[in-house]
Amino acid sequence: MRKNYCLVCGRPLTKNEIGLTRKLIDDMAGKFYCMSCLAGYLDVTEDELRAKIEDFKQEGCKLFS
């Protein structure tokens, strides 16, 4: 499996971080953000993003583990 890295800081990404970038920014994204950089980009907190991931999981979204 190919490793993906944050577009901004270069940190290796989790499946949830990749899914969140796809869900919130572009479903065809080829470049992704880590949780911290995505929070900064969207001007929200990391806790708000984590809550959003849980919402998407409860909705049955397959982008999240």
PDB file of N, CA and C in Angstrom:
ATOM      1  N   MET A   1       0.834  -1.183   0.000  1.00  0.00           N
ATOM      2  CA  MET A   1       0.000   0.000   0.000  1.00  0.00           C
ATOM      3  C   MET A   1       0.885   1.256   0.000  1.00  0.00           C
ATOM      4  N   ARG A   2       0.534   2.207  -0.824  1.00  0.00           N
ATOM      5  CA  ARG A   2       1.306   3.444  -0.949  1.00  0.00           C
ATOM      6  C   ARG A   2       1.047   4.348   0.247  1.00  0.00           C
ATOM      7  N   LYS A   3       2.111   4.907   0.801  1.00  0.00           N
ATOM      8  CA  LYS A   3       1.981   5.855   1.918  1.00  0.00           C
ATOM      9  C   LYS A   3       1.649   7.236   1.380  1.00  0.00           C
ATOM     10  N   ASN A   4       0.744   7.908   2.039  1.00  0.00           N
ATOM     11  CA  ASN A   4       0.419   9.293   1.723  1.00  0.00           C
ATOM     12  C   ASN A   4       0.937  10.181   2.838  1.00  0.00           C
ATOM     13  N   TYR A   5       1.353  11.390   2.452  1.00  0.00           N
ATOM     14  CA  TYR A   5       1.930  12.332   3.395  1.00  0.00           C
ATOM     15  C   TYR A   5       1.195  13.667   3.317  1.00  0.00           C
ATOM     16  N   CYS A   6       1.203  14.389   4.429  1.00  0.00           N
ATOM     17  CA  CYS A   6       0.544  15.688   4.499  1.00  0.00           C
ATOM     18  C   CYS A   6       1.163  16.661   3.496  1.00  0.00           C
ATOM     19  N   LEU A   7       0.307  17.344   2.777  1.00  0.00           N
ATOM     20  CA  LEU A   7       0.706  18.333   1.790  1.00  0.00           C
ATOM     21  C   LEU A   7       1.518  19.473   2.415  1.00  0.00           C
ATOM     22  N   VAL A   8       1.221  19.812   3.666  1.00  0.00           N
ATOM     23  CA  VAL A   8       1.851  20.957   4.322  1.00  0.00           C
ATOM     24  C   VAL A   8       3.098  20.561   5.108  1.00  0.00           C
ATOM     25  N   CYS A   9       2.959  19.589   6.024  1.00  0.00           N
ATOM     26  CA  CYS A   9       4.074  19.279   6.935  1.00  0.00           C
ATOM     27  C   CYS A   9       4.825  17.988   6.594  1.00  0.00           C
ATOM     28  N   GLY A  10       4.282  17.169   5.702  1.00  0.00           N
ATOM     29  CA  GLY A  10       4.977  15.954   5.293  1.00  0.00           C
ATOM     30  C   GLY A  10       4.793  14.754   6.198  1.00  0.00           C
ATOM     31  N   ARG A  11       3.955  14.867   7.223  1.00  0.00           N
ATOM     32  CA  ARG A  11       3.731  13.761   8.154  1.00  0.00           C
ATOM     33  C   ARG A  11       2.950  12.638   7.468  1.00  0.00           C
ATOM     34  N   PRO A  12       3.279  11.341   7.764  1.00  0.00           N
ATOM     35  CA  PRO A  12       2.475  10.237   7.230  1.00  0.00           C
ATOM     36  C   PRO A  12       1.027  10.350   7.717  1.00  0.00           C
ATOM     37  N   LEU A  13       0.088   9.970   6.856  1.00  0.00           N
ATOM     38  CA  LEU A  13      -1.329  10.166   7.152  1.00  0.00           C
ATOM     39  C   LEU A  13      -2.045   8.871   7.515  1.00  0.00           C
ATOM     40  N   THR A  14      -3.105   9.027   8.286  1.00  0.00           N
ATOM     41  CA  THR A  14      -3.981   7.904   8.600  1.00  0.00           C
ATOM     42  C   THR A  14      -5.101   7.839   7.569  1.00  0.00           C
ATOM     43  N   LYS A  15      -5.795   6.731   7.540  1.00  0.00           N
ATOM     44  CA  LYS A  15      -6.941   6.575   6.639  1.00  0.00           C
ATOM     45  C   LYS A  15      -7.999   7.648   6.937  1.00  0.00           C
ATOM     46  N   ASN A  16      -8.213   7.936   8.217  1.00  0.00           N
ATOM     47  CA  ASN A  16      -9.214   8.942   8.582  1.00  0.00           C
ATOM     48  C   ASN A  16      -8.832  10.339   8.097  1.00  0.00           C
ATOM     49  N   GLU A  17      -7.553  10.685   8.137  1.00  0.00           N
ATOM     50  CA  GLU A  17      -7.112  11.993   7.654  1.00  0.00           C
ATOM     51  C   GLU A  17      -7.318  12.103   6.142  1.00  0.00           C
ATOM     52  N   ILE A  18      -7.017  11.035   5.427  1.00  0.00           N
ATOM     53  CA  ILE A  18      -7.236  11.021   3.983  1.00  0.00           C
ATOM     54  C   ILE A  18      -8.735  11.130   3.685  1.00  0.00           C
ATOM     55  N   GLY A  19      -9.536  10.357   4.406  1.00  0.00           N
ATOM     56  CA  GLY A  19     -10.986  10.405   4.220  1.00  0.00           C
ATOM     57  C   GLY A  19     -11.564  11.781   4.512  1.00  0.00           C
ATOM     58  N   LEU A  20     -11.062  12.417   5.544  1.00  0.00           N
ATOM     59  CA  LEU A  20     -11.562  13.736   5.923  1.00  0.00           C
ATOM     60  C   LEU A  20     -11.239  14.786   4.860  1.00  0.00           C
ATOM     61  N   THR A  21     -10.026  14.721   4.309  1.00  0.00           N
ATOM     62  CA  THR A  21      -9.675  15.635   3.222  1.00  0.00           C
ATOM     63  C   THR A  21     -10.616  15.418   2.040  1.00  0.00           C
ATOM     64  N   ARG A  22     -10.853  14.154   1.710  1.00  0.00           N
ATOM     65  CA  ARG A  22     -11.746  13.856   0.581  1.00  0.00           C
ATOM     66  C   ARG A  22     -13.172  14.325   0.860  1.00  0.00           C
ATOM     67  N   LYS A  23     -13.645  14.108   2.069  1.00  0.00           N
ATOM     68  CA  LYS A  23     -15.029  14.447   2.412  1.00  0.00           C
ATOM     69  C   LYS A  23     -15.248  15.963   2.499  1.00  0.00           C
ATOM     70  N   LEU A  24     -14.292  16.682   3.076  1.00  0.00           N
ATOM     71  CA  LEU A  24     -14.490  18.114   3.326  1.00  0.00           C
ATOM     72  C   LEU A  24     -13.953  19.032   2.230  1.00  0.00           C
ATOM     73  N   ILE A  25     -12.994  18.563   1.445  1.00  0.00           N
ATOM     74  CA  ILE A  25     -12.370  19.452   0.462  1.00  0.00           C
ATOM     75  C   ILE A  25     -12.671  19.006  -0.971  1.00  0.00           C
ATOM     76  N   ASP A  26     -12.313  17.762  -1.301  1.00  0.00           N
ATOM     77  CA  ASP A  26     -12.482  17.297  -2.678  1.00  0.00           C
ATOM     78  C   ASP A  26     -12.471  15.779  -2.688  1.00  0.00           C
ATOM     79  N   ASP A  27     -13.564  15.175  -3.155  1.00  0.00           N
ATOM     80  CA  ASP A  27     -13.648  13.719  -3.133  1.00  0.00           C
ATOM     81  C   ASP A  27     -12.678  13.048  -4.112  1.00  0.00           C
ATOM     82  N   MET A  28     -12.078  13.819  -4.995  1.00  0.00           N
ATOM     83  CA  MET A  28     -11.092  13.280  -5.928  1.00  0.00           C
ATOM     84  C   MET A  28      -9.677  13.753  -5.581  1.00  0.00           C
ATOM     85  N   ALA A  29      -9.501  14.222  -4.365  1.00  0.00           N
ATOM     86  CA  ALA A  29      -8.209  14.781  -3.944  1.00  0.00           C
ATOM     87  C   ALA A  29      -7.096  13.747  -4.093  1.00  0.00           C
ATOM     88  N   GLY A  30      -5.954  14.216  -4.531  1.00  0.00           N
ATOM     89  CA  GLY A  30      -4.767  13.382  -4.606  1.00  0.00           C
ATOM     90  C   GLY A  30      -3.716  13.845  -3.613  1.00  0.00           C
ATOM     91  N   LYS A  31      -3.977  14.998  -3.000  1.00  0.00           N
ATOM     92  CA  LYS A  31      -3.083  15.546  -1.975  1.00  0.00           C
ATOM     93  C   LYS A  31      -3.920  15.761  -0.731  1.00  0.00           C
ATOM     94  N   PHE A  32      -3.332  15.419   0.416  1.00  0.00           N
ATOM     95  CA  PHE A  32      -4.097  15.374   1.652  1.00  0.00           C
ATOM     96  C   PHE A  32      -3.433  16.164   2.770  1.00  0.00           C
ATOM     97  N   TYR A  33      -4.214  16.441   3.803  1.00  0.00           N
ATOM     98  CA  TYR A  33      -3.754  17.153   4.988  1.00  0.00           C
ATOM     99  C   TYR A  33      -3.814  16.249   6.213  1.00  0.00           C
ATOM    100  N   CYS A  34      -2.859  16.418   7.137  1.00  0.00           N
ATOM    101  CA  CYS A  34      -2.971  15.770   8.442  1.00  0.00           C
ATOM    102  C   CYS A  34      -4.033  16.531   9.243  1.00  0.00           C
ATOM    103  N   MET A  35      -4.416  15.989  10.365  1.00  0.00           N
ATOM    104  CA  MET A  35      -5.476  16.597  11.173  1.00  0.00           C
ATOM    105  C   MET A  35      -5.125  18.033  11.578  1.00  0.00           C
ATOM    106  N   SER A  36      -3.907  18.250  12.006  1.00  0.00           N
ATOM    107  CA  SER A  36      -3.486  19.566  12.469  1.00  0.00           C
ATOM    108  C   SER A  36      -3.491  20.593  11.337  1.00  0.00           C
ATOM    109  N   CYS A  37      -2.916  20.230  10.190  1.00  0.00           N
ATOM    110  CA  CYS A  37      -2.860  21.166   9.065  1.00  0.00           C
ATOM    111  C   CYS A  37      -4.241  21.403   8.467  1.00  0.00           C
ATOM    112  N   LEU A  38      -5.086  20.378   8.442  1.00  0.00           N
ATOM    113  CA  LEU A  38      -6.454  20.550   7.939  1.00  0.00           C
ATOM    114  C   LEU A  38      -7.246  21.481   8.849  1.00  0.00           C
ATOM    115  N   ALA A  39      -7.065  21.340  10.156  1.00  0.00           N
ATOM    116  CA  ALA A  39      -7.739  22.232  11.101  1.00  0.00           C
ATOM    117  C   ALA A  39      -7.324  23.680  10.852  1.00  0.00           C
ATOM    118  N   GLY A  40      -6.047  23.901  10.634  1.00  0.00           N
ATOM    119  CA  GLY A  40      -5.566  25.251  10.337  1.00  0.00           C
ATOM    120  C   GLY A  40      -6.109  25.774   9.020  1.00  0.00           C
ATOM    121  N   TYR A  41      -6.139  24.919   8.012  1.00  0.00           N
ATOM    122  CA  TYR A  41      -6.639  25.307   6.692  1.00  0.00           C
ATOM    123  C   TYR A  41      -8.118  25.689   6.750  1.00  0.00           C
ATOM    124  N   LEU A  42      -8.903  24.930   7.526  1.00  0.00           N
ATOM    125  CA  LEU A  42     -10.350  25.175   7.622  1.00  0.00           C
ATOM    126  C   LEU A  42     -10.720  26.132   8.756  1.00  0.00           C
ATOM    127  N   ASP A  43      -9.735  26.530   9.559  1.00  0.00           N
ATOM    128  CA  ASP A  43      -9.944  27.417  10.698  1.00  0.00           C
ATOM    129  C   ASP A  43     -10.949  26.837  11.695  1.00  0.00           C
ATOM    130  N   VAL A  44     -10.722  25.568  12.048  1.00  0.00           N
ATOM    131  CA  VAL A  44     -11.508  24.873  13.071  1.00  0.00           C
ATOM    132  C   VAL A  44     -10.534  24.168  14.010  1.00  0.00           C
ATOM    133  N   THR A  45     -11.037  23.571  15.062  1.00  0.00           N
ATOM    134  CA  THR A  45     -10.165  22.835  15.977  1.00  0.00           C
ATOM    135  C   THR A  45     -10.057  21.372  15.554  1.00  0.00           C
ATOM    136  N   GLU A  46      -9.003  20.730  16.017  1.00  0.00           N
ATOM    137  CA  GLU A  46      -8.843  19.300  15.754  1.00  0.00           C
ATOM    138  C   GLU A  46      -9.977  18.509  16.400  1.00  0.00           C
ATOM    139  N   ASP A  47     -10.439  18.951  17.568  1.00  0.00           N
ATOM    140  CA  ASP A  47     -11.558  18.272  18.230  1.00  0.00           C
ATOM    141  C   ASP A  47     -12.823  18.337  17.380  1.00  0.00           C
ATOM    142  N   GLU A  48     -13.044  19.461  16.722  1.00  0.00           N
ATOM    143  CA  GLU A  48     -14.207  19.580  15.830  1.00  0.00           C
ATOM    144  C   GLU A  48     -14.088  18.602  14.655  1.00  0.00           C
ATOM    145  N   LEU A  49     -12.877  18.439  14.145  1.00  0.00           N
ATOM    146  CA  LEU A  49     -12.667  17.491  13.053  1.00  0.00           C
ATOM    147  C   LEU A  49     -12.870  16.052  13.517  1.00  0.00           C
ATOM    148  N   ARG A  50     -12.385  15.736  14.707  1.00  0.00           N
ATOM    149  CA  ARG A  50     -12.582  14.387  15.248  1.00  0.00           C
ATOM    150  C   ARG A  50     -14.075  14.093  15.437  1.00  0.00           C
ATOM    151  N   ALA A  51     -14.815  15.083  15.907  1.00  0.00           N
ATOM    152  CA  ALA A  51     -16.268  14.914  16.067  1.00  0.00           C
ATOM    153  C   ALA A  51     -16.924  14.693  14.713  1.00  0.00           C
ATOM    154  N   LYS A  52     -16.452  15.386  13.703  1.00  0.00           N
ATOM    155  CA  LYS A  52     -17.007  15.226  12.352  1.00  0.00           C
ATOM    156  C   LYS A  52     -16.728  13.822  11.832  1.00  0.00           C
ATOM    157  N   ILE A  53     -15.539  13.294  12.104  1.00  0.00           N
ATOM    158  CA  ILE A  53     -15.211  11.920  11.706  1.00  0.00           C
ATOM    159  C   ILE A  53     -16.199  10.953  12.344  1.00  0.00           C
ATOM    160  N   GLU A  54     -16.470  11.130  13.617  1.00  0.00           N
ATOM    161  CA  GLU A  54     -17.427  10.258  14.312  1.00  0.00           C
ATOM    162  C   GLU A  54     -18.818  10.369  13.696  1.00  0.00           C
ATOM    163  N   ASP A  55     -19.229  11.580  13.333  1.00  0.00           N
ATOM    164  CA  ASP A  55     -20.518  11.769  12.654  1.00  0.00           C
ATOM    165  C   ASP A  55     -20.555  10.987  11.347  1.00  0.00           C
ATOM    166  N   PHE A  56     -19.492  11.107  10.554  1.00  0.00           N
ATOM    167  CA  PHE A  56     -19.440  10.411   9.270  1.00  0.00           C
ATOM    168  C   PHE A  56     -19.454   8.897   9.461  1.00  0.00           C
ATOM    169  N   LYS A  57     -18.747   8.405  10.483  1.00  0.00           N
ATOM    170  CA  LYS A  57     -18.758   6.965  10.777  1.00  0.00           C
ATOM    171  C   LYS A  57     -20.164   6.492  11.117  1.00  0.00           C
ATOM    172  N   GLN A  58     -20.863   7.247  11.944  1.00  0.00           N
ATOM    173  CA  GLN A  58     -22.219   6.878  12.332  1.00  0.00           C
ATOM    174  C   GLN A  58     -23.171   6.888  11.144  1.00  0.00           C
ATOM    175  N   GLU A  59     -22.876   7.742  10.168  1.00  0.00           N
ATOM    176  CA  GLU A  59     -23.691   7.790   8.941  1.00  0.00           C
ATOM    177  C   GLU A  59     -23.352   6.633   8.008  1.00  0.00           C
ATOM    178  N   GLY A  60     -22.292   5.886   8.330  1.00  0.00           N
ATOM    179  CA  GLY A  60     -21.906   4.737   7.519  1.00  0.00           C
ATOM    180  C   GLY A  60     -20.957   5.048   6.390  1.00  0.00           C
ATOM    181  N   CYS A  61     -20.314   6.210   6.419  1.00  0.00           N
ATOM    182  CA  CYS A  61     -19.390   6.592   5.363  1.00  0.00           C
ATOM    183  C   CYS A  61     -18.209   5.622   5.335  1.00  0.00           C
ATOM    184  N   LYS A  62     -17.909   5.071   4.186  1.00  0.00           N
ATOM    185  CA  LYS A  62     -16.854   4.068   4.019  1.00  0.00           C
ATOM    186  C   LYS A  62     -15.451   4.661   3.989  1.00  0.00           C
ATOM    187  N   LEU A  63     -15.336   5.997   3.988  1.00  0.00           N
ATOM    188  CA  LEU A  63     -14.023   6.622   3.967  1.00  0.00           C
ATOM    189  C   LEU A  63     -13.321   6.558   5.320  1.00  0.00           C
ATOM    190  N   PHE A  64     -14.047   6.158   6.363  1.00  0.00           N
ATOM    191  CA  PHE A  64     -13.507   6.193   7.722  1.00  0.00           C
ATOM    192  C   PHE A  64     -13.515   4.807   8.347  1.00  0.00           C
ATOM    193  N   SER A  65     -12.432   4.514   9.100  1.00  0.00           N
ATOM    194  CA  SER A  65     -12.327   3.197   9.739  1.00  0.00           C
ATOM    195  C   SER A  65     -12.819   3.224  11.168  1.00  0.00           C
TER     196      SER A  65
END
